[in-house]
């Protein structure tokens, strides 16, 4: 890398203000900005409370009514309670200010929470599926009316809880995980009601464990995108929907930019995205105005809120990070 006279290395915080990196250190934590996602604390508290009550009711009446479908739904709801607790804890942790060790704060905990939620669902699905297979071999009588009433209550509780998270699901995979859990639970409870009604009408006992297996299929289907998305984020993949080609084209079209390399875009949390790159500008940048405007345009056009740009004034400076695919 060329000497300091060949570089202009500035950082823009979320408000778009430029800072020389050497000067930032003097400001310390008092100058840090933490833009946390919208709070869903009330939604989490209500959802957790209602689902704990539902788990107890489904477990008790599932045992009394001898319904594996109802017990399966109770197990699934228990995993959802754990998932909601983890998601809520992560959303709170994400608001902690950066420290000397965790320079981004604990925002990445929301990514880990989404991954944990997917894991909870997979474990619960395995246990439910195994029990259902055993029951298929030896079907047992089911208290149809009791099962229908309890599962009906489950539809109302899970549907209401899903609505609490609906407005945040498109912008935060952590909230999306909570929403998917609750929405799937409402659908699953509906399946249990239908199953119990059919058993009461036809006497086909095998419908109960079969419904449990269908529940497993629904859970697995709904978990796929959550699992893939959370794994991608934990591997620092560019957030879903990020158009790297468009970002590269935008930066190359900026006044005075002749080349770009070492472009990286990755998630800081489930709601915040960071970008770093080196811009080759033979005539030099126009200073703070150029950096501020570029950072603001990246934020408004590509939802990149944390931008760091290094300007290199000599096209043949031998930057160690050019081209992009160097280790």
Protein backbone atom coordinates (compact mmCIF):
# COMPACT_ATOMS: atom_id res chain seq x y z
CA UNK A 1 0.00 0.00 0.00
CA UNK A 2 1.24 3.46 -0.81
CA UNK A 3 2.16 5.95 1.88
CA UNK A 4 -0.30 8.11 3.79
CA UNK A 5 -0.09 10.90 1.25
CA UNK A 6 -1.78 8.64 -1.28
CA UNK A 7 -4.85 7.91 0.87
CA UNK A 8 -7.82 9.65 2.31
CA UNK A 9 -9.43 7.33 4.82
CA UNK A 10 -12.64 8.61 6.34
CA UNK A 11 -15.59 7.02 8.08
CA UNK A 12 -19.26 8.03 8.05
CA UNK A 13 -21.52 7.22 10.95
CA UNK A 14 -25.23 6.53 10.51
CA UNK A 15 -26.08 10.21 10.49
CA UNK A 16 -23.74 10.73 7.54
CA UNK A 17 -21.13 12.84 9.33
CA UNK A 18 -17.49 12.28 8.31
CA UNK A 19 -14.76 11.55 10.83
CA UNK A 20 -11.04 11.07 10.42
CA UNK A 21 -10.24 7.70 11.95
CA UNK A 22 -7.42 9.04 14.03
CA UNK A 23 -9.69 11.70 15.47
CA UNK A 24 -12.46 9.25 16.37
CA UNK A 25 -10.39 7.66 19.08
CA UNK A 26 -10.26 10.91 21.00
CA UNK A 27 -14.04 11.09 21.04
CA UNK A 28 -14.37 7.69 22.69
CA UNK A 29 -17.71 6.05 23.43
CA UNK A 30 -19.41 9.35 24.09
CA UNK A 31 -19.52 9.95 20.34
CA UNK A 32 -20.82 6.50 19.38
CA UNK A 33 -24.18 6.21 17.68
CA UNK A 34 -26.41 3.17 18.15
CA UNK A 35 -29.43 3.01 15.91
CA UNK A 36 -31.38 0.04 17.24
CA UNK A 37 -34.33 -1.50 15.41
CA UNK A 38 -37.88 -0.64 16.34
CA UNK A 39 -38.75 -1.99 19.78
CA UNK A 40 -41.15 -4.94 19.92
CA UNK A 41 -40.77 -5.37 23.69
CA UNK A 42 -44.51 -5.24 24.37
CA UNK A 43 -45.22 -7.71 21.56
CA UNK A 44 -42.60 -10.12 22.95
CA UNK A 45 -43.99 -9.87 26.50
CA UNK A 46 -47.56 -10.51 25.37
CA UNK A 47 -46.57 -13.30 22.99
CA UNK A 48 -44.44 -15.11 25.58
CA UNK A 49 -47.12 -14.89 28.29
CA UNK A 50 -49.94 -16.12 26.06
CA UNK A 51 -47.87 -18.95 24.62
CA UNK A 52 -46.73 -20.21 28.02
CA UNK A 53 -50.38 -20.48 29.04
CA UNK A 54 -51.17 -22.23 25.76
CA UNK A 55 -48.32 -24.73 26.15
CA UNK A 56 -49.56 -25.72 29.61
CA UNK A 57 -53.15 -26.10 28.39
CA UNK A 58 -52.18 -28.13 25.31
CA UNK A 59 -49.82 -30.39 27.25
CA UNK A 60 -52.41 -31.12 29.95
CA UNK A 61 -55.35 -31.67 27.64
CA UNK A 62 -53.25 -33.44 25.03
CA UNK A 63 -52.25 -35.94 27.71
CA UNK A 64 -55.79 -36.24 29.06
CA UNK A 65 -57.26 -36.51 25.55
CA UNK A 66 -54.50 -38.88 24.35
CA UNK A 67 -53.78 -36.68 21.32
CA UNK A 68 -50.29 -36.72 19.83
CA UNK A 69 -51.35 -33.89 17.49
CA UNK A 70 -52.16 -31.67 20.47
CA UNK A 71 -48.99 -32.73 22.30
CA UNK A 72 -47.06 -32.03 19.09
CA UNK A 73 -48.53 -28.54 18.95
CA UNK A 74 -47.62 -28.04 22.64
CA UNK A 75 -44.01 -29.04 21.89
CA UNK A 76 -43.90 -26.70 18.95
CA UNK A 77 -45.31 -23.85 21.02
CA UNK A 78 -42.72 -24.53 23.73
CA UNK A 79 -39.96 -24.11 21.16
CA UNK A 80 -41.64 -20.88 20.13
CA UNK A 81 -41.60 -19.59 23.71
CA UNK A 82 -37.86 -20.28 23.86
CA UNK A 83 -37.45 -18.66 20.46
CA UNK A 84 -39.36 -15.55 21.52
CA UNK A 85 -37.26 -15.27 24.67
CA UNK A 86 -34.03 -15.51 22.66
CA UNK A 87 -35.26 -13.05 20.02
CA UNK A 88 -36.36 -10.57 22.70
CA UNK A 89 -33.06 -10.88 24.53
CA UNK A 90 -31.17 -10.26 21.30
CA UNK A 91 -33.24 -7.19 20.45
CA UNK A 92 -32.39 -5.76 23.89
CA UNK A 93 -28.70 -6.67 23.59
CA UNK A 94 -28.56 -4.96 20.17
CA UNK A 95 -29.14 -1.63 21.90
CA UNK A 96 -25.96 -1.82 23.95
CA UNK A 97 -23.36 0.79 23.05
CA UNK A 98 -20.10 -0.31 21.40
CA UNK A 99 -17.22 -1.19 23.73
CA UNK A 100 -13.48 -1.62 23.41
CA UNK A 101 -13.91 -5.31 22.61
CA UNK A 102 -17.29 -5.34 20.82
CA UNK A 103 -16.78 -2.35 18.55
CA UNK A 104 -20.19 -2.81 16.91
CA UNK A 105 -21.88 -3.40 20.25
CA UNK A 106 -23.93 -6.61 20.47
CA UNK A 107 -25.99 -6.01 17.35
CA UNK A 108 -24.92 -9.33 15.80
CA UNK A 109 -26.78 -11.12 18.62
CA UNK A 110 -29.95 -10.68 16.55
CA UNK A 111 -28.37 -12.85 13.84
CA UNK A 112 -27.46 -15.52 16.40
CA UNK A 113 -31.02 -15.38 17.76
CA UNK A 114 -32.48 -16.04 14.32
CA UNK A 115 -30.12 -18.99 13.91
CA UNK A 116 -31.07 -20.33 17.36
CA UNK A 117 -34.75 -20.02 16.48
CA UNK A 118 -34.25 -22.16 13.40
CA UNK A 119 -32.36 -24.74 15.49
CA UNK A 120 -35.17 -24.84 18.10
CA UNK A 121 -37.67 -25.58 15.37
CA UNK A 122 -35.58 -28.38 13.87
CA UNK A 123 -35.13 -30.10 17.26
CA UNK A 124 -38.84 -29.83 18.06
CA UNK A 125 -39.74 -31.19 14.62
CA UNK A 126 -37.53 -34.24 15.11
CA UNK A 127 -39.14 -35.09 18.46
CA UNK A 128 -42.67 -34.59 17.15
CA UNK A 129 -42.03 -36.65 14.01
CA UNK A 130 -40.57 -39.57 15.94
CA UNK A 131 -43.53 -39.75 18.32
CA UNK A 132 -45.99 -39.55 15.42
CA UNK A 133 -44.30 -42.45 13.60
CA UNK A 134 -44.55 -44.57 16.74
CA UNK A 135 -48.25 -43.70 17.06
CA UNK A 136 -48.93 -44.60 13.43
CA UNK A 137 -47.98 -48.18 14.26
CA UNK A 138 -50.36 -48.29 17.23
CA UNK A 139 -53.14 -45.64 16.94
CA UNK A 140 -55.02 -44.85 20.15
CA UNK A 141 -58.42 -43.23 20.87
CA UNK A 142 -58.54 -39.42 20.99
CA UNK A 143 -60.86 -37.10 22.92
CA UNK A 144 -61.95 -35.19 19.83
CA UNK A 145 -64.06 -32.42 21.39
CA UNK A 146 -61.46 -31.55 24.03
CA UNK A 147 -58.73 -31.42 21.39
CA UNK A 148 -60.82 -29.17 19.11
CA UNK A 149 -61.57 -26.67 21.89
CA UNK A 150 -57.96 -26.36 23.07
CA UNK A 151 -56.58 -26.16 19.54
CA UNK A 152 -59.23 -23.55 18.71
CA UNK A 153 -57.94 -21.40 21.55
CA UNK A 154 -54.45 -21.92 20.08
CA UNK A 155 -55.60 -20.48 16.75
CA UNK A 156 -56.77 -17.28 18.45
CA UNK A 157 -53.64 -16.86 20.60
CA UNK A 158 -51.11 -17.60 17.86
CA UNK A 159 -52.99 -15.55 15.27
CA UNK A 160 -53.11 -12.54 17.60
CA UNK A 161 -49.41 -12.88 18.48
CA UNK A 162 -48.46 -13.12 14.79
CA UNK A 163 -50.28 -9.85 14.12
CA UNK A 164 -48.15 -8.15 16.80
CA UNK A 165 -44.99 -8.94 14.80
CA UNK A 166 -46.44 -8.54 11.29
CA UNK A 167 -45.30 -4.96 10.69
CA UNK A 168 -41.63 -5.71 11.42
CA UNK A 169 -41.19 -8.98 9.54
CA UNK A 170 -40.03 -7.50 6.22
CA UNK A 171 -37.13 -5.48 7.64
CA UNK A 172 -35.75 -7.76 10.37
CA UNK A 173 -35.14 -11.51 10.07
CA UNK A 174 -35.15 -11.74 13.88
CA UNK A 175 -38.72 -10.37 13.98
CA UNK A 176 -39.55 -12.46 10.90
CA UNK A 177 -38.56 -15.56 12.87
CA UNK A 178 -41.00 -14.65 15.64
CA UNK A 179 -43.74 -13.89 13.11
CA UNK A 180 -43.24 -17.15 11.18
CA UNK A 181 -43.41 -19.16 14.41
CA UNK A 182 -46.71 -17.63 15.42
CA UNK A 183 -48.29 -17.69 11.95
CA UNK A 184 -47.29 -21.34 11.46
CA UNK A 185 -48.68 -22.20 14.89
CA UNK A 186 -52.05 -20.70 14.00
CA UNK A 187 -52.16 -22.81 10.84
CA UNK A 188 -51.00 -25.91 12.72
CA UNK A 189 -53.67 -25.45 15.39
CA UNK A 190 -56.25 -25.22 12.62
CA UNK A 191 -54.96 -28.56 11.30
CA UNK A 192 -55.37 -30.11 14.74
CA UNK A 193 -58.99 -28.90 14.91
CA UNK A 194 -59.74 -30.39 11.48
CA UNK A 195 -58.01 -33.65 12.44
CA UNK A 196 -59.99 -34.01 15.68
CA UNK A 197 -63.25 -33.28 13.85
CA UNK A 198 -62.52 -35.93 11.22
CA UNK A 199 -61.60 -38.50 13.87
CA UNK A 200 -64.86 -37.80 15.73
CA UNK A 201 -66.78 -38.18 12.48
CA UNK A 202 -64.98 -41.15 10.90
CA UNK A 203 -63.30 -42.94 13.80
CA UNK A 204 -60.02 -43.08 11.86
CA UNK A 205 -57.50 -42.93 14.71
CA UNK A 206 -54.51 -42.81 12.38
CA UNK A 207 -55.50 -39.25 11.38
CA UNK A 208 -54.06 -37.91 14.66
CA UNK A 209 -50.43 -39.05 14.14
CA UNK A 210 -50.74 -38.28 10.44
CA UNK A 211 -51.65 -34.70 11.35
CA UNK A 212 -48.54 -34.60 13.54
CA UNK A 213 -46.40 -35.54 10.56
CA UNK A 214 -48.07 -32.86 8.46
CA UNK A 215 -47.29 -30.39 11.25
CA UNK A 216 -43.63 -31.42 10.99
CA UNK A 217 -43.68 -30.83 7.23
CA UNK A 218 -45.17 -27.35 7.72
CA UNK A 219 -42.57 -26.46 10.34
CA UNK A 220 -39.70 -27.66 8.15
CA UNK A 221 -41.04 -25.75 5.15
CA UNK A 222 -41.39 -22.54 7.14
CA UNK A 223 -37.98 -22.95 8.76
CA UNK A 224 -36.01 -23.35 5.52
CA UNK A 225 -35.81 -19.67 4.59
CA UNK A 226 -35.17 -18.64 8.20
CA UNK A 227 -32.33 -21.16 8.57
CA UNK A 228 -30.75 -20.26 5.25
CA UNK A 229 -31.03 -16.53 5.90
CA UNK A 230 -29.59 -16.71 9.41
CA UNK A 231 -26.68 -18.93 8.27
CA UNK A 232 -25.91 -16.53 5.42
CA UNK A 233 -25.90 -13.57 7.82
CA UNK A 234 -23.69 -15.38 10.34
CA UNK A 235 -21.23 -15.97 7.47
CA UNK A 236 -21.21 -12.21 6.70
CA UNK A 237 -22.95 -12.70 3.36
CA UNK A 238 -24.39 -9.59 1.73
CA UNK A 239 -27.96 -9.13 3.06
CA UNK A 240 -30.77 -10.55 0.97
CA UNK A 241 -31.82 -8.12 -1.74
CA UNK A 242 -28.46 -6.35 -1.85
CA UNK A 243 -27.50 -5.61 -5.46
CA UNK A 244 -23.71 -5.58 -5.41
CA UNK A 245 -23.49 -4.91 -9.14
CA UNK A 246 -25.70 -1.84 -8.74
CA UNK A 247 -23.64 -0.60 -5.78
CA UNK A 248 -20.42 -1.06 -7.76
CA UNK A 249 -21.91 0.78 -10.75
CA UNK A 250 -23.11 3.61 -8.49
CA UNK A 251 -19.67 4.07 -6.93
CA UNK A 252 -17.89 3.96 -10.31
CA UNK A 253 -20.28 6.63 -11.57
CA UNK A 254 -19.38 9.01 -8.73
CA UNK A 255 -17.45 12.11 -9.89
CA UNK A 256 -13.71 11.50 -10.18
CA UNK A 257 -13.81 7.71 -9.52
CA UNK A 258 -11.82 5.71 -12.06
CA UNK A 259 -11.75 2.30 -10.33
CA UNK A 260 -13.00 0.45 -7.26
CA UNK A 261 -11.71 -2.56 -5.34
CA UNK A 262 -11.94 -4.28 -1.96
CA UNK A 263 -15.71 -3.76 -1.93
CA UNK A 264 -17.39 -5.55 0.97
CA UNK A 265 -21.03 -5.44 2.12
CA UNK A 266 -22.12 -7.38 5.20
CA UNK A 267 -24.75 -7.31 7.97
CA UNK A 268 -23.87 -5.78 11.34
CA UNK A 269 -27.22 -7.02 12.65
CA UNK A 270 -30.49 -8.24 11.19
CA UNK A 271 -31.43 -4.63 10.40
CA UNK A 272 -28.13 -2.82 9.72
CA UNK A 273 -25.69 -3.12 6.83
CA UNK A 274 -22.06 -2.02 6.53
CA UNK A 275 -19.91 -1.30 3.48
CA UNK A 276 -16.18 -0.74 2.96
CA UNK A 277 -14.33 -0.11 -0.29
CA UNK A 278 -11.29 1.52 -1.90
CA UNK A 279 -11.99 4.16 -4.56
CA UNK A 280 -9.24 5.13 -7.01
CA UNK A 281 -9.55 8.87 -7.67
CA UNK A 282 -6.49 10.23 -9.58
CA UNK A 283 -7.54 13.86 -9.10
CA UNK A 284 -8.36 13.28 -5.43
CA UNK A 285 -11.81 13.57 -3.86
CA UNK A 286 -13.64 16.79 -3.18
CA UNK A 287 -13.14 16.14 0.52
CA UNK A 288 -15.85 15.82 3.11
CA UNK A 289 -18.64 16.88 0.74
CA UNK A 290 -17.92 13.94 -1.57
CA UNK A 291 -17.74 11.44 1.29
CA UNK A 292 -20.87 12.75 2.99
CA UNK A 293 -22.92 12.71 -0.18
CA UNK A 294 -21.73 9.23 -1.17
CA UNK A 295 -22.56 7.82 2.26
CA UNK A 296 -26.00 9.45 2.25
CA UNK A 297 -26.82 8.15 -1.25
CA UNK A 298 -25.72 4.62 -0.26
CA UNK A 299 -28.04 4.85 2.73
CA UNK A 300 -31.10 6.10 0.85
CA UNK A 301 -30.64 4.03 -2.32
CA UNK A 302 -29.20 0.78 -0.96
CA UNK A 303 -30.02 0.85 2.79
CA UNK A 304 -26.33 0.78 3.72
CA UNK A 305 -26.10 2.73 6.96
CA UNK A 306 -22.45 2.28 7.98
CA UNK A 307 -20.02 3.26 5.20
CA UNK A 308 -16.21 3.41 5.24
CA UNK A 309 -14.46 4.63 2.08
CA UNK A 310 -10.73 4.72 1.43
CA UNK A 311 -9.64 7.04 -1.38
CA UNK A 312 -6.46 6.24 -3.32
CA UNK A 313 -5.10 9.01 -5.55
CA UNK A 314 -2.58 7.03 -7.59
CA UNK A 315 -3.91 4.30 -9.95
CA UNK A 316 -0.65 2.33 -9.72
CA UNK A 317 -0.04 2.51 -6.00
CA UNK A 318 0.12 -1.29 -5.69
CA UNK A 319 -2.69 -1.64 -3.14
CA UNK A 320 -2.35 -5.03 -1.45
CA UNK A 321 -6.14 -5.49 -1.53
CA UNK A 322 -6.57 -5.09 -5.29
CA UNK A 323 -8.20 -6.89 -7.02
CA UNK A 324 -11.26 -7.90 -4.98
CA UNK A 325 -10.50 -11.63 -4.91
CA UNK A 326 -7.18 -11.38 -3.05
CA UNK A 327 -6.96 -13.14 0.30
